[in-house]
């Protein structure tokens, strides 16, 4: 009985976390306005400020052009798995995707919002979790920088940690 009660409470708790709505603050400057981005039909987003092209969905998901939603699961990966995934990714027929560096990843943070701290009109399928950068720690090479998209904070994580990923490429 106790186990069933715990399971029910955990399920209810998880459902609230999944259904949580983004919170944006009036009066705070928008750091990633929608008009800065071109939403491409192929599931990519072009950033006019940085010249970067991003995947609209988190790594592992597929952009459905009919529903305009991200479909599929989003795996959490070790740093090495994320590097391999980027090298092998061919989203929108591009073969030069890469893991973003910490500054590139910071460029898509929306500082006026939390849960997630990203422009949800532009970027879909964002988990309220950490996302890898390819930037290693200076004093601890066994760690790399991540951004947590529920709050927009960065931190170092062991490269053996399981973390989410969004890929980027330089637009030509």
C-alpha atoms as a PDB file:
ATOM      1  CA  UNK A   1       0.000   0.000   0.000  1.00  0.00           C
ATOM      2  CA  UNK A   2       2.771   2.429   0.963  1.00  0.00           C
ATOM      3  CA  UNK A   3       4.587   1.657  -2.283  1.00  0.00           C
ATOM      4  CA  UNK A   4       1.454   2.420  -4.333  1.00  0.00           C
ATOM      5  CA  UNK A   5       0.990   5.703  -2.465  1.00  0.00           C
ATOM      6  CA  UNK A   6       4.609   6.687  -3.072  1.00  0.00           C
ATOM      7  CA  UNK A   7       4.264   5.821  -6.763  1.00  0.00           C
ATOM      8  CA  UNK A   8       1.072   7.893  -7.056  1.00  0.00           C
ATOM      9  CA  UNK A   9       2.684  10.882  -5.338  1.00  0.00           C
ATOM     10  CA  UNK A  10       5.774  10.631  -7.556  1.00  0.00           C
ATOM     11  CA  UNK A  11       3.610  10.465 -10.688  1.00  0.00           C
ATOM     12  CA  UNK A  12       1.603  13.522  -9.624  1.00  0.00           C
ATOM     13  CA  UNK A  13       4.789  15.405  -8.760  1.00  0.00           C
ATOM     14  CA  UNK A  14       6.345  14.595 -12.141  1.00  0.00           C
ATOM     15  CA  UNK A  15       3.222  15.652 -13.996  1.00  0.00           C
ATOM     16  CA  UNK A  16       3.363  19.069 -12.346  1.00  0.00           C
ATOM     17  CA  UNK A  17       7.014  19.465 -13.364  1.00  0.00           C
ATOM     18  CA  UNK A  18       6.227  18.581 -16.959  1.00  0.00           C
ATOM     19  CA  UNK A  19       3.221  20.884 -17.150  1.00  0.00           C
ATOM     20  CA  UNK A  20       4.920  23.885 -15.548  1.00  0.00           C
ATOM     21  CA  UNK A  21       4.497  27.030 -17.621  1.00  0.00           C
ATOM     22  CA  UNK A  22       7.341  29.348 -18.500  1.00  0.00           C
ATOM     23  CA  UNK A  23       7.603  32.409 -16.261  1.00  0.00           C
ATOM     24  CA  UNK A  24       8.708  35.678 -17.882  1.00  0.00           C
ATOM     25  CA  UNK A  25       9.170  38.926 -15.978  1.00  0.00           C
ATOM     26  CA  UNK A  26       7.698  42.239 -17.102  1.00  0.00           C
ATOM     27  CA  UNK A  27      10.196  45.053 -17.055  1.00  0.00           C
ATOM     28  CA  UNK A  28      13.174  42.768 -17.662  1.00  0.00           C
ATOM     29  CA  UNK A  29      14.959  43.293 -20.966  1.00  0.00           C
ATOM     30  CA  UNK A  30      14.351  40.519 -23.511  1.00  0.00           C
ATOM     31  CA  UNK A  31      17.713  39.048 -24.505  1.00  0.00           C
ATOM     32  CA  UNK A  32      16.555  36.802 -27.367  1.00  0.00           C
ATOM     33  CA  UNK A  33      13.653  38.545 -29.118  1.00  0.00           C
ATOM     34  CA  UNK A  34      11.878  36.392 -31.692  1.00  0.00           C
ATOM     35  CA  UNK A  35      12.604  38.862 -34.514  1.00  0.00           C
ATOM     36  CA  UNK A  36      16.340  38.190 -34.083  1.00  0.00           C
ATOM     37  CA  UNK A  37      15.791  34.653 -35.404  1.00  0.00           C
ATOM     38  CA  UNK A  38      14.680  33.208 -38.721  1.00  0.00           C
ATOM     39  CA  UNK A  39      12.707  30.035 -38.188  1.00  0.00           C
ATOM     40  CA  UNK A  40      13.531  27.782 -41.129  1.00  0.00           C
ATOM     41  CA  UNK A  41      11.107  25.136 -42.424  1.00  0.00           C
ATOM     42  CA  UNK A  42      13.732  22.393 -42.035  1.00  0.00           C
ATOM     43  CA  UNK A  43      13.773  22.442 -38.225  1.00  0.00           C
ATOM     44  CA  UNK A  44      16.640  24.904 -37.883  1.00  0.00           C
ATOM     45  CA  UNK A  45      16.826  28.464 -36.587  1.00  0.00           C
ATOM     46  CA  UNK A  46      19.168  31.162 -37.935  1.00  0.00           C
ATOM     47  CA  UNK A  47      20.400  33.799 -35.491  1.00  0.00           C
ATOM     48  CA  UNK A  48      20.981  37.143 -37.256  1.00  0.00           C
ATOM     49  CA  UNK A  49      22.994  38.504 -34.307  1.00  0.00           C
ATOM     50  CA  UNK A  50      25.580  35.717 -34.054  1.00  0.00           C
ATOM     51  CA  UNK A  51      25.508  34.112 -37.528  1.00  0.00           C
ATOM     52  CA  UNK A  52      24.843  30.739 -35.915  1.00  0.00           C
ATOM     53  CA  UNK A  53      22.291  28.161 -36.990  1.00  0.00           C
ATOM     54  CA  UNK A  54      20.717  26.085 -34.235  1.00  0.00           C
ATOM     55  CA  UNK A  55      18.600  22.981 -34.209  1.00  0.00           C
ATOM     56  CA  UNK A  56      15.111  24.011 -33.194  1.00  0.00           C
ATOM     57  CA  UNK A  57      14.620  20.819 -31.152  1.00  0.00           C
ATOM     58  CA  UNK A  58      16.836  19.257 -28.520  1.00  0.00           C
ATOM     59  CA  UNK A  59      19.244  16.587 -29.759  1.00  0.00           C
ATOM     60  CA  UNK A  60      17.503  13.293 -30.478  1.00  0.00           C
ATOM     61  CA  UNK A  61      14.186  14.869 -31.372  1.00  0.00           C
ATOM     62  CA  UNK A  62      12.866  15.333 -34.902  1.00  0.00           C
ATOM     63  CA  UNK A  63      11.096  18.476 -36.064  1.00  0.00           C
ATOM     64  CA  UNK A  64       7.710  17.684 -37.634  1.00  0.00           C
ATOM     65  CA  UNK A  65       7.047  20.307 -40.333  1.00  0.00           C
ATOM     66  CA  UNK A  66       3.304  19.543 -40.408  1.00  0.00           C
ATOM     67  CA  UNK A  67       2.625  19.913 -36.685  1.00  0.00           C
ATOM     68  CA  UNK A  68       5.559  22.288 -36.102  1.00  0.00           C
ATOM     69  CA  UNK A  69       6.459  20.315 -32.992  1.00  0.00           C
ATOM     70  CA  UNK A  70       9.432  18.300 -31.801  1.00  0.00           C
ATOM     71  CA  UNK A  71       8.841  14.563 -31.687  1.00  0.00           C
ATOM     72  CA  UNK A  72      10.733  11.698 -30.125  1.00  0.00           C
ATOM     73  CA  UNK A  73      12.818  11.281 -27.037  1.00  0.00           C
ATOM     74  CA  UNK A  74      15.701  13.411 -25.887  1.00  0.00           C
ATOM     75  CA  UNK A  75      18.576  11.316 -24.564  1.00  0.00           C
ATOM     76  CA  UNK A  76      20.895  12.554 -21.868  1.00  0.00           C
ATOM     77  CA  UNK A  77      24.481  11.893 -22.910  1.00  0.00           C
ATOM     78  CA  UNK A  78      27.980  11.889 -21.512  1.00  0.00           C
ATOM     79  CA  UNK A  79      30.267  14.568 -22.941  1.00  0.00           C
ATOM     80  CA  UNK A  80      32.016  12.057 -25.239  1.00  0.00           C
ATOM     81  CA  UNK A  81      28.665  10.719 -26.468  1.00  0.00           C
ATOM     82  CA  UNK A  82      27.559  14.297 -27.167  1.00  0.00           C
ATOM     83  CA  UNK A  83      30.714  14.972 -29.221  1.00  0.00           C
ATOM     84  CA  UNK A  84      30.111  11.775 -31.229  1.00  0.00           C
ATOM     85  CA  UNK A  85      26.432  12.622 -31.673  1.00  0.00           C
ATOM     86  CA  UNK A  86      27.292  16.066 -33.039  1.00  0.00           C
ATOM     87  CA  UNK A  87      29.828  14.628 -35.482  1.00  0.00           C
ATOM     88  CA  UNK A  88      27.299  12.109 -36.838  1.00  0.00           C
ATOM     89  CA  UNK A  89      24.210  14.338 -36.920  1.00  0.00           C
ATOM     90  CA  UNK A  90      22.737  15.227 -40.320  1.00  0.00           C
ATOM     91  CA  UNK A  91      19.683  17.275 -39.335  1.00  0.00           C
ATOM     92  CA  UNK A  92      18.335  19.279 -42.310  1.00  0.00           C
ATOM     93  CA  UNK A  93      21.002  17.597 -44.507  1.00  0.00           C
ATOM     94  CA  UNK A  94      23.870  19.494 -42.833  1.00  0.00           C
ATOM     95  CA  UNK A  95      26.867  17.441 -41.744  1.00  0.00           C
ATOM     96  CA  UNK A  96      28.796  20.096 -39.809  1.00  0.00           C
ATOM     97  CA  UNK A  97      26.818  20.221 -36.550  1.00  0.00           C
ATOM     98  CA  UNK A  98      28.818  20.690 -33.378  1.00  0.00           C
ATOM     99  CA  UNK A  99      28.428  21.004 -29.660  1.00  0.00           C
ATOM    100  CA  UNK A 100      28.268  24.752 -28.842  1.00  0.00           C
ATOM    101  CA  UNK A 101      30.958  26.430 -26.784  1.00  0.00           C
ATOM    102  CA  UNK A 102      29.825  28.064 -23.553  1.00  0.00           C
ATOM    103  CA  UNK A 103      29.502  31.554 -25.115  1.00  0.00           C
ATOM    104  CA  UNK A 104      27.441  30.229 -28.029  1.00  0.00           C
ATOM    105  CA  UNK A 105      25.152  28.377 -25.636  1.00  0.00           C
ATOM    106  CA  UNK A 106      24.808  31.512 -23.490  1.00  0.00           C
ATOM    107  CA  UNK A 107      23.741  33.480 -26.578  1.00  0.00           C
ATOM    108  CA  UNK A 108      20.373  31.676 -26.678  1.00  0.00           C
ATOM    109  CA  UNK A 109      19.534  32.125 -22.991  1.00  0.00           C
ATOM    110  CA  UNK A 110      16.484  34.263 -22.375  1.00  0.00           C
ATOM    111  CA  UNK A 111      17.342  36.102 -19.156  1.00  0.00           C
ATOM    112  CA  UNK A 112      13.848  37.517 -18.658  1.00  0.00           C
ATOM    113  CA  UNK A 113      12.300  34.022 -18.366  1.00  0.00           C
ATOM    114  CA  UNK A 114      12.684  30.867 -16.302  1.00  0.00           C
ATOM    115  CA  UNK A 115      11.439  27.318 -16.645  1.00  0.00           C
ATOM    116  CA  UNK A 116      12.808  27.356 -19.329  1.00  0.00           C
ATOM    117  CA  UNK A 117      15.244  30.239 -19.763  1.00  0.00           C
ATOM    118  CA  UNK A 118      14.938  30.217 -23.545  1.00  0.00           C
ATOM    119  CA  UNK A 119      12.672  31.779 -26.171  1.00  0.00           C
ATOM    120  CA  UNK A 120      10.002  29.087 -26.475  1.00  0.00           C
ATOM    121  CA  UNK A 121       8.635  30.583 -29.695  1.00  0.00           C
ATOM    122  CA  UNK A 122      11.970  29.866 -31.371  1.00  0.00           C
ATOM    123  CA  UNK A 123      13.419  26.858 -29.532  1.00  0.00           C
ATOM    124  CA  UNK A 124      11.178  23.862 -28.946  1.00  0.00           C
ATOM    125  CA  UNK A 125      11.590  20.756 -26.834  1.00  0.00           C
ATOM    126  CA  UNK A 126      13.903  22.329 -24.254  1.00  0.00           C
ATOM    127  CA  UNK A 127      14.276  20.307 -21.069  1.00  0.00           C
ATOM    128  CA  UNK A 128      14.421  22.074 -17.711  1.00  0.00           C
ATOM    129  CA  UNK A 129      17.859  20.554 -17.271  1.00  0.00           C
ATOM    130  CA  UNK A 130      21.538  21.045 -18.058  1.00  0.00           C
ATOM    131  CA  UNK A 131      22.802  21.294 -21.659  1.00  0.00           C
ATOM    132  CA  UNK A 132      26.386  20.536 -22.673  1.00  0.00           C
ATOM    133  CA  UNK A 133      28.907  22.961 -24.069  1.00  0.00           C
ATOM    134  CA  UNK A 134      32.209  21.857 -25.585  1.00  0.00           C
ATOM    135  CA  UNK A 135      34.095  24.132 -23.155  1.00  0.00           C
ATOM    136  CA  UNK A 136      36.194  22.170 -20.680  1.00  0.00           C
ATOM    137  CA  UNK A 137      36.987  23.397 -17.219  1.00  0.00           C
ATOM    138  CA  UNK A 138      40.349  25.136 -16.894  1.00  0.00           C
ATOM    139  CA  UNK A 139      41.532  23.532 -13.667  1.00  0.00           C
ATOM    140  CA  UNK A 140      39.526  20.338 -14.094  1.00  0.00           C
ATOM    141  CA  UNK A 141      39.779  19.007 -17.636  1.00  0.00           C
ATOM    142  CA  UNK A 142      37.528  16.103 -16.615  1.00  0.00           C
ATOM    143  CA  UNK A 143      34.633  18.599 -16.374  1.00  0.00           C
ATOM    144  CA  UNK A 144      32.850  20.776 -18.921  1.00  0.00           C
ATOM    145  CA  UNK A 145      30.579  23.804 -18.677  1.00  0.00           C
ATOM    146  CA  UNK A 146      26.815  23.396 -18.919  1.00  0.00           C
ATOM    147  CA  UNK A 147      23.857  25.753 -18.807  1.00  0.00           C
ATOM    148  CA  UNK A 148      20.762  24.773 -16.894  1.00  0.00           C
ATOM    149  CA  UNK A 149      17.759  25.909 -18.909  1.00  0.00           C
ATOM    150  CA  UNK A 150      15.295  25.976 -16.046  1.00  0.00           C
ATOM    151  CA  UNK A 151      17.140  28.861 -14.404  1.00  0.00           C
ATOM    152  CA  UNK A 152      19.769  30.010 -16.902  1.00  0.00           C
ATOM    153  CA  UNK A 153      22.678  29.295 -14.556  1.00  0.00           C
ATOM    154  CA  UNK A 154      25.942  27.702 -15.645  1.00  0.00           C
ATOM    155  CA  UNK A 155      28.192  25.274 -13.817  1.00  0.00           C
ATOM    156  CA  UNK A 156      30.856  22.642 -14.325  1.00  0.00           C
ATOM    157  CA  UNK A 157      29.826  18.988 -14.612  1.00  0.00           C
ATOM    158  CA  UNK A 158      31.913  15.851 -14.843  1.00  0.00           C
ATOM    159  CA  UNK A 159      32.192  14.752 -18.472  1.00  0.00           C
ATOM    160  CA  UNK A 160      30.820  11.384 -17.386  1.00  0.00           C
ATOM    161  CA  UNK A 161      27.517  13.041 -16.331  1.00  0.00           C
ATOM    162  CA  UNK A 162      24.379  12.516 -18.380  1.00  0.00           C
ATOM    163  CA  UNK A 163      23.332  15.892 -19.796  1.00  0.00           C
ATOM    164  CA  UNK A 164      21.125  17.105 -22.683  1.00  0.00           C
ATOM    165  CA  UNK A 165      22.342  18.669 -25.911  1.00  0.00           C
ATOM    166  CA  UNK A 166      21.335  21.216 -28.563  1.00  0.00           C
ATOM    167  CA  UNK A 167      23.549  21.413 -31.650  1.00  0.00           C
ATOM    168  CA  UNK A 168      24.803  24.435 -33.551  1.00  0.00           C
ATOM    169  CA  UNK A 169      26.640  25.159 -36.803  1.00  0.00           C
ATOM    170  CA  UNK A 170      28.188  28.214 -38.423  1.00  0.00           C
ATOM    171  CA  UNK A 171      25.881  29.491 -41.119  1.00  0.00           C
ATOM    172  CA  UNK A 172      27.593  30.194 -44.422  1.00  0.00           C
END
